[in-house]
Amino acid sequence: MLLHNIVQSLWFISALSLVALVLLHSPKGDGLGGIGGQAQLFTSAKSAEKTLNRITWTLTILFMGLTVVLSAGWLG
């Protein structure tokens, strides 16, 4: 039961983080990414977008994997 709660918490955190990161992407304009001073954290907008893409894909894979584990009932 404890493992199930830990995995479910990780799933929830990854879902919220994924939503936040998708909102930070700016395909045509600044979007919400311009609010937090995103350009100051990275050397260029291109490296910022590349980093956001990598983190987003990593969280997507984590979220989908945990979704399969939780829905299949493999934890008991």
N, C-alpha and C. Protein backbone atom coordinates (compact mmCIF):
# COMPACT_ATOMS: atom_id res chain seq x y z
N MET A 1 0.82 -1.19 0.00
CA MET A 1 0.00 0.00 0.00
C MET A 1 0.87 1.26 0.00
N LEU A 2 1.97 1.23 0.73
CA LEU A 2 2.86 2.38 0.79
C LEU A 2 3.48 2.66 -0.58
N LEU A 3 3.90 1.60 -1.28
CA LEU A 3 4.49 1.77 -2.61
C LEU A 3 3.47 2.36 -3.58
N HIS A 4 2.24 1.91 -3.48
CA HIS A 4 1.17 2.44 -4.34
C HIS A 4 0.98 3.93 -4.10
N ASN A 5 1.01 4.36 -2.85
CA ASN A 5 0.84 5.78 -2.53
C ASN A 5 2.02 6.62 -3.04
N ILE A 6 3.22 6.08 -2.96
CA ILE A 6 4.40 6.79 -3.45
C ILE A 6 4.33 6.95 -4.96
N VAL A 7 3.99 5.87 -5.66
CA VAL A 7 3.89 5.92 -7.12
C VAL A 7 2.77 6.86 -7.55
N GLN A 8 1.66 6.83 -6.83
CA GLN A 8 0.54 7.72 -7.15
C GLN A 8 0.92 9.18 -6.92
N SER A 9 1.69 9.45 -5.88
CA SER A 9 2.15 10.81 -5.63
C SER A 9 3.10 11.28 -6.73
N LEU A 10 4.02 10.42 -7.15
CA LEU A 10 4.92 10.75 -8.26
C LEU A 10 4.13 11.01 -9.55
N TRP A 11 3.09 10.21 -9.78
CA TRP A 11 2.25 10.37 -10.95
C TRP A 11 1.56 11.74 -10.93
N PHE A 12 1.04 12.12 -9.77
CA PHE A 12 0.34 13.40 -9.62
C PHE A 12 1.30 14.57 -9.82
N ILE A 13 2.48 14.49 -9.22
CA ILE A 13 3.48 15.55 -9.36
C ILE A 13 3.94 15.67 -10.80
N SER A 14 4.15 14.53 -11.47
CA SER A 14 4.58 14.58 -12.87
C SER A 14 3.48 15.17 -13.75
N ALA A 15 2.21 14.90 -13.43
CA ALA A 15 1.11 15.46 -14.21
C ALA A 15 1.06 16.99 -14.07
N LEU A 16 1.17 17.48 -12.86
CA LEU A 16 1.15 18.92 -12.65
C LEU A 16 2.35 19.61 -13.28
N SER A 17 3.51 18.99 -13.17
CA SER A 17 4.72 19.55 -13.77
C SER A 17 4.62 19.57 -15.29
N LEU A 18 4.03 18.52 -15.84
CA LEU A 18 3.86 18.46 -17.29
C LEU A 18 2.95 19.56 -17.79
N VAL A 19 1.87 19.82 -17.08
CA VAL A 19 0.97 20.92 -17.45
C VAL A 19 1.71 22.25 -17.40
N ALA A 20 2.47 22.47 -16.34
CA ALA A 20 3.21 23.73 -16.21
C ALA A 20 4.23 23.90 -17.33
N LEU A 21 4.94 22.84 -17.67
CA LEU A 21 5.96 22.93 -18.72
C LEU A 21 5.35 23.15 -20.10
N VAL A 22 4.21 22.53 -20.34
CA VAL A 22 3.55 22.74 -21.63
C VAL A 22 3.10 24.20 -21.75
N LEU A 23 2.66 24.79 -20.66
CA LEU A 23 2.27 26.19 -20.69
C LEU A 23 3.46 27.12 -20.88
N LEU A 24 4.64 26.69 -20.49
CA LEU A 24 5.84 27.51 -20.66
C LEU A 24 6.35 27.53 -22.10
N HIS A 25 5.98 26.52 -22.89
CA HIS A 25 6.42 26.50 -24.28
C HIS A 25 5.81 27.67 -25.04
N SER A 26 6.59 28.21 -25.94
CA SER A 26 6.12 29.36 -26.72
C SER A 26 6.34 29.09 -28.20
N PRO A 27 5.37 28.49 -28.87
CA PRO A 27 5.57 28.15 -30.27
C PRO A 27 5.61 29.36 -31.21
N LYS A 28 4.82 30.42 -30.94
CA LYS A 28 4.79 31.56 -31.86
C LYS A 28 5.05 32.89 -31.19
N GLY A 29 4.84 32.97 -29.91
CA GLY A 29 5.05 34.23 -29.20
C GLY A 29 5.73 33.93 -27.88
N ASP A 30 5.72 34.89 -27.01
CA ASP A 30 6.31 34.66 -25.69
C ASP A 30 5.49 33.69 -24.88
N GLY A 31 4.18 33.72 -25.02
CA GLY A 31 3.33 32.85 -24.22
C GLY A 31 3.51 33.15 -22.75
N LEU A 32 3.34 32.15 -21.92
CA LEU A 32 3.55 32.33 -20.49
C LEU A 32 5.02 32.27 -20.12
N GLY A 33 5.87 31.84 -21.06
CA GLY A 33 7.30 31.77 -20.80
C GLY A 33 7.94 33.12 -20.58
N GLY A 34 7.36 34.18 -21.10
CA GLY A 34 7.91 35.51 -20.93
C GLY A 34 7.67 36.10 -19.56
N ILE A 35 6.78 35.50 -18.79
CA ILE A 35 6.44 36.04 -17.46
C ILE A 35 7.58 35.85 -16.47
N GLY A 36 8.19 34.67 -16.48
CA GLY A 36 9.19 34.36 -15.45
C GLY A 36 10.60 34.76 -15.79
N GLY A 37 10.82 35.53 -16.81
CA GLY A 37 12.19 35.90 -17.16
C GLY A 37 12.99 34.72 -17.65
N GLN A 38 12.37 33.91 -18.47
CA GLN A 38 12.97 32.67 -18.95
C GLN A 38 14.29 32.91 -19.68
N ALA A 39 14.39 33.99 -20.43
CA ALA A 39 15.59 34.24 -21.22
C ALA A 39 16.81 34.51 -20.33
N GLN A 40 16.61 34.93 -19.12
CA GLN A 40 17.73 35.22 -18.23
C GLN A 40 18.36 33.95 -17.69
N LEU A 41 17.63 32.85 -17.67
CA LEU A 41 18.15 31.61 -17.12
C LEU A 41 19.05 30.87 -18.11
N PHE A 42 18.87 31.12 -19.39
CA PHE A 42 19.59 30.39 -20.41
C PHE A 42 20.37 31.37 -21.27
N THR A 43 21.34 30.84 -22.03
CA THR A 43 22.16 31.71 -22.85
C THR A 43 21.41 32.22 -24.07
N SER A 44 20.46 31.43 -24.56
CA SER A 44 19.68 31.87 -25.71
C SER A 44 18.30 31.26 -25.65
N ALA A 45 17.40 31.80 -26.45
CA ALA A 45 16.04 31.26 -26.50
C ALA A 45 16.04 29.85 -27.06
N LYS A 46 16.97 29.58 -27.97
CA LYS A 46 17.04 28.25 -28.57
C LYS A 46 17.43 27.19 -27.54
N SER A 47 18.39 27.50 -26.68
CA SER A 47 18.79 26.53 -25.66
C SER A 47 17.70 26.37 -24.61
N ALA A 48 16.96 27.45 -24.34
CA ALA A 48 15.85 27.35 -23.39
C ALA A 48 14.77 26.43 -23.94
N GLU A 49 14.44 26.58 -25.20
CA GLU A 49 13.42 25.74 -25.82
C GLU A 49 13.88 24.28 -25.88
N LYS A 50 15.14 24.07 -26.17
CA LYS A 50 15.69 22.72 -26.22
C LYS A 50 15.63 22.06 -24.85
N THR A 51 15.98 22.81 -23.82
CA THR A 51 15.92 22.28 -22.45
C THR A 51 14.48 21.99 -22.03
N LEU A 52 13.57 22.89 -22.36
CA LEU A 52 12.16 22.66 -22.05
C LEU A 52 11.64 21.41 -22.76
N ASN A 53 12.03 21.23 -24.00
CA ASN A 53 11.61 20.04 -24.75
C ASN A 53 12.11 18.76 -24.10
N ARG A 54 13.37 18.76 -23.69
CA ARG A 54 13.93 17.55 -23.05
C ARG A 54 13.23 17.23 -21.74
N ILE A 55 13.01 18.25 -20.92
CA ILE A 55 12.34 18.02 -19.64
C ILE A 55 10.90 17.57 -19.87
N THR A 56 10.23 18.18 -20.85
CA THR A 56 8.85 17.82 -21.14
C THR A 56 8.75 16.38 -21.62
N TRP A 57 9.64 15.98 -22.51
CA TRP A 57 9.60 14.59 -22.99
C TRP A 57 9.91 13.60 -21.87
N THR A 58 10.85 13.94 -21.01
CA THR A 58 11.18 13.06 -19.88
C THR A 58 9.97 12.90 -18.96
N LEU A 59 9.32 14.01 -18.64
CA LEU A 59 8.14 13.94 -17.79
C LEU A 59 6.99 13.21 -18.48
N THR A 60 6.87 13.35 -19.79
CA THR A 60 5.82 12.64 -20.52
C THR A 60 6.02 11.14 -20.43
N ILE A 61 7.25 10.69 -20.62
CA ILE A 61 7.56 9.26 -20.53
C ILE A 61 7.30 8.75 -19.12
N LEU A 62 7.73 9.52 -18.11
CA LEU A 62 7.49 9.14 -16.73
C LEU A 62 6.00 9.06 -16.43
N PHE A 63 5.25 10.07 -16.85
CA PHE A 63 3.81 10.10 -16.61
C PHE A 63 3.11 8.91 -17.28
N MET A 64 3.44 8.64 -18.53
CA MET A 64 2.80 7.53 -19.25
C MET A 64 3.18 6.18 -18.63
N GLY A 65 4.43 6.04 -18.24
CA GLY A 65 4.85 4.79 -17.60
C GLY A 65 4.14 4.56 -16.28
N LEU A 66 4.05 5.60 -15.47
CA LEU A 66 3.35 5.46 -14.19
C LEU A 66 1.86 5.24 -14.39
N THR A 67 1.29 5.81 -15.45
CA THR A 67 -0.12 5.57 -15.76
C THR A 67 -0.36 4.11 -16.07
N VAL A 68 0.52 3.51 -16.85
CA VAL A 68 0.38 2.08 -17.18
C VAL A 68 0.51 1.23 -15.93
N VAL A 69 1.50 1.53 -15.09
CA VAL A 69 1.73 0.76 -13.87
C VAL A 69 0.52 0.86 -12.93
N LEU A 70 0.00 2.06 -12.76
CA LEU A 70 -1.13 2.25 -11.86
C LEU A 70 -2.41 1.64 -12.41
N SER A 71 -2.66 1.77 -13.71
CA SER A 71 -3.90 1.26 -14.28
C SER A 71 -3.90 -0.26 -14.40
N ALA A 72 -2.73 -0.85 -14.57
CA ALA A 72 -2.64 -2.30 -14.71
C ALA A 72 -2.77 -3.01 -13.36
N GLY A 73 -2.58 -2.28 -12.28
CA GLY A 73 -2.68 -2.88 -10.96
C GLY A 73 -1.49 -3.76 -10.60
N TRP A 74 -0.33 -3.45 -11.15
CA TRP A 74 0.85 -4.26 -10.91
C TRP A 74 1.43 -4.07 -9.51
N LEU A 75 0.96 -3.09 -8.78
CA LEU A 75 1.52 -2.83 -7.45
C LEU A 75 0.75 -3.56 -6.35
N GLY A 76 -0.33 -4.16 -6.71
CA GLY A 76 -1.06 -4.94 -5.73
C GLY A 76 -2.29 -4.35 -5.19
